[in-house]
Amino acid sequence: MNEPTGIFTIAIVVVTSLVSAAGFGSPQLVAGCLFEPAMIIGRRQYYRLITSGFIHANWGHLLVNMFSFYSFGGAVEHLAGAPTLIAVYSSALLGGNLLSLLLHRNHEYRALGASGGVCGVIFASIFLVPGGSVYMFPVPVPIPSPVFAILFIMISFFGIRNQRGNIGHDAHLGGAIIGLAAATLLHPGIAAESPALWAAVMGISAVLFMYLYVDSRRRAGRLRVVRADRDG
């Protein structure tokens, strides 16, 4: 993308990088900012739903997220304006963490990073710039945006189901869809530009969200039964 990168895109990269760098040398800062359901629900530290997006595990984690955000955020800011970029990024960051909170509310879980917000910006750019393509490591060729969008949703879903590794698939999926929803509210015309893809992304996501919610309740019910048996 050849559009000039906007000042707000750069500002978000700089602020996130500075806070993350400070966190690399301060476990206390990380502990006070990271996403942790027990602290959010139990102690009502709701600010963690946002502050967790400003800290990262290491330099590699930070660089991947900020490079991705810089690559797509500049296009969103250039084409749709700074208010759209800020609204999409912040709502996606919050939406991704809310989905994580819903799915992990009954067990110990910690997460950090701006991935949810970044995924929201990527999905917004897919619809704001229809007909484009996305590079995804380790695939050596660009992936058409419609293919990438559907693949992303399915990979995220199976990642949530398998719960393997240290990748926050739930934050990715929640961030992507909430970011797209925010972009659509601000620019309704993007749905008409790619109606079939927009309907497919939102429809599949709605079904998967419902499944994940029902499944999380079923798992929580089984956990309560096991605890009751142990207590008995």
Protein backbone atom coordinates (compact mmCIF):
# COMPACT_ATOMS: atom_id res chain seq x y z
CA MET A 1 0.00 0.00 0.00
CA ASN A 2 1.51 3.33 -1.10
CA GLU A 3 -0.66 5.72 0.90
CA PRO A 4 1.20 7.95 3.38
CA THR A 5 1.03 6.71 6.92
CA GLY A 6 -1.04 9.01 9.13
CA ILE A 7 0.08 10.64 12.33
CA PHE A 8 -2.33 8.65 14.50
CA THR A 9 -1.05 5.36 13.12
CA ILE A 10 2.48 6.40 14.02
CA ALA A 11 1.35 7.70 17.43
CA ILE A 12 -0.25 4.36 18.36
CA VAL A 13 2.89 2.49 17.27
CA VAL A 14 5.13 4.83 19.30
CA VAL A 15 3.03 4.80 22.47
CA THR A 16 2.55 1.02 22.40
CA SER A 17 6.26 0.47 21.77
CA LEU A 18 7.28 2.78 24.62
CA VAL A 19 4.91 1.16 27.14
CA SER A 20 5.89 -2.33 26.01
CA ALA A 21 9.61 -1.50 26.24
CA ALA A 22 9.07 -0.19 29.76
CA GLY A 23 7.27 -3.43 30.60
CA PHE A 24 10.22 -5.55 29.46
CA GLY A 25 12.17 -4.23 32.43
CA SER A 26 9.26 -4.01 34.87
CA PRO A 27 7.36 -7.17 35.81
CA GLN A 28 5.22 -5.00 38.09
CA LEU A 29 4.01 -2.91 35.15
CA VAL A 30 3.16 -6.01 33.14
CA ALA A 31 1.37 -7.62 36.10
CA GLY A 32 -0.72 -4.48 36.58
CA CYS A 33 -1.75 -4.22 32.93
CA LEU A 34 -2.17 -7.74 31.56
CA PHE A 35 -5.49 -9.40 30.76
CA GLU A 36 -6.51 -11.63 33.68
CA PRO A 37 -10.17 -12.66 34.17
CA ALA A 38 -9.78 -13.15 37.93
CA MET A 39 -8.66 -9.54 38.35
CA ILE A 40 -11.15 -8.12 35.85
CA ILE A 41 -14.18 -9.92 37.25
CA GLY A 42 -13.15 -10.49 40.85
CA ARG A 43 -11.62 -7.08 41.52
CA ARG A 44 -13.42 -5.12 38.81
CA GLN A 45 -10.20 -3.96 37.20
CA TYR A 46 -11.91 -3.34 33.87
CA TYR A 47 -9.11 -1.13 32.63
CA ARG A 48 -7.14 -4.32 31.91
CA LEU A 49 -9.38 -4.88 28.88
CA ILE A 50 -7.52 -1.98 27.27
CA THR A 51 -4.14 -1.75 29.03
CA SER A 52 -3.28 -5.33 28.08
CA GLY A 53 -3.04 -4.12 24.48
CA PHE A 54 -0.13 -1.82 25.33
CA ILE A 55 2.20 -4.49 26.69
CA HIS A 56 3.87 -7.42 24.93
CA ALA A 57 5.75 -10.55 25.88
CA ASN A 58 8.99 -9.71 24.07
CA TRP A 59 10.48 -7.69 21.21
CA GLY A 60 9.42 -10.23 18.58
CA HIS A 61 5.82 -10.14 19.77
CA LEU A 62 5.85 -6.33 19.74
CA LEU A 63 7.49 -6.03 16.32
CA VAL A 64 5.06 -8.42 14.61
CA ASN A 65 2.02 -6.62 16.01
CA MET A 66 3.30 -3.12 15.34
CA PHE A 67 4.51 -3.92 11.82
CA SER A 68 1.10 -5.41 11.00
CA PHE A 69 -0.70 -2.44 12.50
CA TYR A 70 1.57 0.03 10.69
CA SER A 71 1.04 -1.76 7.36
CA PHE A 72 -2.77 -1.69 7.49
CA GLY A 73 -3.48 1.18 9.89
CA GLY A 74 -1.95 3.74 7.55
CA ALA A 75 -4.33 2.73 4.77
CA VAL A 76 -7.36 2.87 7.08
CA GLU A 77 -6.39 6.30 8.39
CA HIS A 78 -5.66 7.62 4.88
CA LEU A 79 -8.89 6.33 3.32
CA ALA A 80 -11.35 6.62 6.20
CA GLY A 81 -9.79 9.16 8.56
CA ALA A 82 -8.20 9.14 11.99
CA PRO A 83 -11.52 8.85 13.90
CA THR A 84 -12.30 5.62 12.04
CA LEU A 85 -8.85 4.19 12.75
CA ILE A 86 -9.09 5.00 16.46
CA ALA A 87 -12.65 3.69 16.73
CA VAL A 88 -11.84 0.45 14.91
CA TYR A 89 -8.62 -0.19 16.81
CA SER A 90 -9.99 0.56 20.28
CA SER A 91 -13.28 -1.30 19.77
CA ALA A 92 -11.45 -4.30 18.30
CA LEU A 93 -9.01 -4.38 21.21
CA LEU A 94 -11.91 -4.23 23.66
CA GLY A 95 -14.06 -6.69 21.69
CA GLY A 96 -11.29 -9.26 21.42
CA ASN A 97 -10.67 -9.13 25.15
CA LEU A 98 -14.39 -9.35 25.92
CA LEU A 99 -14.63 -12.57 23.91
CA SER A 100 -11.58 -13.89 25.80
CA LEU A 101 -13.24 -12.90 29.07
CA LEU A 102 -16.39 -14.74 28.10
CA LEU A 103 -14.53 -17.92 27.18
CA HIS A 104 -11.98 -17.88 30.01
CA ARG A 105 -14.03 -16.44 32.84
CA ASN A 106 -14.11 -19.70 34.79
CA HIS A 107 -10.44 -20.63 34.82
CA GLU A 108 -6.99 -19.13 35.28
CA TYR A 109 -5.84 -17.30 32.18
CA ARG A 110 -3.46 -14.47 31.35
CA ALA A 111 -2.81 -12.69 28.07
CA LEU A 112 -1.22 -9.56 26.68
CA GLY A 113 -0.64 -7.85 23.36
CA ALA A 114 -2.40 -5.72 20.74
CA SER A 115 -3.34 -8.60 18.43
CA GLY A 116 -7.11 -8.13 18.80
CA GLY A 117 -6.91 -4.48 17.81
CA VAL A 118 -4.53 -5.25 14.95
CA CYS A 119 -6.85 -7.93 13.57
CA GLY A 120 -9.73 -5.47 13.67
CA VAL A 121 -7.75 -2.97 11.62
CA ILE A 122 -6.77 -5.67 9.11
CA PHE A 123 -10.40 -6.73 8.62
CA ALA A 124 -11.52 -3.11 8.31
CA SER A 125 -8.89 -2.54 5.62
CA ILE A 126 -10.04 -5.63 3.71
CA PHE A 127 -13.48 -4.06 3.23
CA LEU A 128 -12.31 -0.46 2.89
CA VAL A 129 -9.91 -1.55 0.14
CA PRO A 130 -11.85 -4.31 -1.69
CA GLY A 131 -10.03 -6.52 -4.16
CA GLY A 132 -6.74 -6.44 -2.30
CA SER A 133 -4.57 -9.21 -0.91
CA VAL A 134 -2.86 -10.06 2.36
CA TYR A 135 0.50 -11.65 3.09
CA MET A 136 0.45 -14.25 5.87
CA PHE A 137 3.60 -15.95 7.10
CA PRO A 138 4.71 -18.58 6.11
CA VAL A 139 2.66 -18.49 2.87
CA PRO A 140 5.07 -17.11 0.20
CA VAL A 141 2.39 -15.57 -2.04
CA PRO A 142 -0.31 -12.93 -1.39
CA ILE A 143 -3.69 -14.32 -0.38
CA PRO A 144 -6.80 -12.67 -1.92
CA SER A 145 -8.65 -10.74 0.78
CA PRO A 146 -11.89 -12.80 0.62
CA VAL A 147 -9.94 -16.06 0.98
CA PHE A 148 -7.87 -14.63 3.82
CA ALA A 149 -10.97 -13.44 5.70
CA ILE A 150 -12.65 -16.85 5.65
CA LEU A 151 -9.41 -18.73 6.37
CA PHE A 152 -8.69 -16.41 9.28
CA ILE A 153 -12.09 -17.05 10.86
CA MET A 154 -11.83 -20.82 10.52
CA ILE A 155 -8.21 -20.99 11.74
CA SER A 156 -9.10 -18.83 14.74
CA PHE A 157 -12.10 -21.01 15.56
CA PHE A 158 -10.15 -24.25 15.48
CA GLY A 159 -7.36 -22.58 17.44
CA ILE A 160 -9.85 -21.69 20.17
CA ARG A 161 -11.23 -25.23 20.18
CA ASN A 162 -7.80 -26.88 20.39
CA GLN A 163 -6.38 -24.37 22.88
CA ARG A 164 -2.79 -25.16 21.94
CA GLY A 165 0.21 -22.88 22.08
CA ASN A 166 0.38 -19.31 23.32
CA ILE A 167 -1.69 -17.69 20.56
CA GLY A 168 -4.80 -15.79 21.67
CA HIS A 169 -7.09 -16.97 18.88
CA ASP A 170 -10.17 -15.78 20.76
CA ALA A 171 -8.85 -12.22 20.94
CA HIS A 172 -7.92 -12.40 17.25
CA LEU A 173 -11.39 -13.54 16.20
CA GLY A 174 -13.29 -11.19 18.50
CA GLY A 175 -11.09 -8.26 17.52
CA ALA A 176 -11.45 -8.91 13.80
CA ILE A 177 -15.25 -9.08 13.86
CA ILE A 178 -15.80 -6.21 16.27
CA GLY A 179 -13.36 -4.09 14.27
CA LEU A 180 -15.26 -4.85 11.09
CA ALA A 181 -18.57 -4.08 12.82
CA ALA A 182 -17.21 -0.71 13.98
CA ALA A 183 -15.97 0.10 10.47
CA THR A 184 -19.38 -0.83 9.06
CA LEU A 185 -21.23 1.40 11.52
CA LEU A 186 -19.02 4.33 10.54
CA HIS A 187 -19.00 3.51 6.82
CA PRO A 188 -22.12 1.44 5.96
CA GLY A 189 -21.23 1.48 2.28
CA ILE A 190 -18.43 -1.07 2.75
CA ALA A 191 -21.00 -3.83 3.20
CA ALA A 192 -22.54 -2.98 -0.17
CA GLU A 193 -19.11 -3.02 -1.84
CA SER A 194 -18.61 -6.71 -1.00
CA PRO A 195 -22.07 -7.92 0.12
CA ALA A 196 -21.45 -11.66 -0.25
CA LEU A 197 -18.15 -11.58 1.64
CA TRP A 198 -19.52 -9.26 4.33
CA ALA A 199 -22.57 -11.51 4.86
CA ALA A 200 -20.38 -14.63 4.92
CA VAL A 201 -17.94 -13.18 7.45
CA MET A 202 -20.66 -11.89 9.77
CA GLY A 203 -22.91 -14.94 9.37
CA ILE A 204 -20.18 -17.52 9.97
CA SER A 205 -18.83 -15.51 12.89
CA ALA A 206 -22.27 -15.24 14.52
CA VAL A 207 -22.73 -19.02 14.33
CA LEU A 208 -19.24 -19.67 15.71
CA PHE A 209 -19.67 -17.14 18.52
CA MET A 210 -22.91 -18.83 19.56
CA TYR A 211 -21.26 -22.25 19.47
CA LEU A 212 -18.29 -21.05 21.53
CA TYR A 213 -20.60 -19.45 24.10
CA VAL A 214 -22.72 -22.60 24.49
CA ASP A 215 -19.58 -24.73 24.63
CA SER A 216 -18.01 -22.53 27.30
CA ARG A 217 -21.14 -22.86 29.45
CA ARG A 218 -21.11 -26.63 29.01
CA ARG A 219 -17.44 -26.80 30.03
CA ALA A 220 -18.11 -24.59 33.04
CA GLY A 221 -20.98 -26.89 34.06
CA ARG A 222 -18.73 -29.94 33.88
CA LEU A 223 -16.10 -28.13 35.94
CA ARG A 224 -18.64 -27.32 38.65
CA VAL A 225 -19.75 -30.96 38.75
CA VAL A 226 -16.16 -32.15 39.16
CA ARG A 227 -15.56 -29.65 41.94
CA ALA A 228 -18.78 -30.69 43.66
CA ASP A 229 -17.74 -34.33 43.47
CA ARG A 230 -14.35 -33.53 44.95
CA ASP A 231 -15.87 -31.43 47.71
CA GLY A 232 -18.27 -34.24 48.47
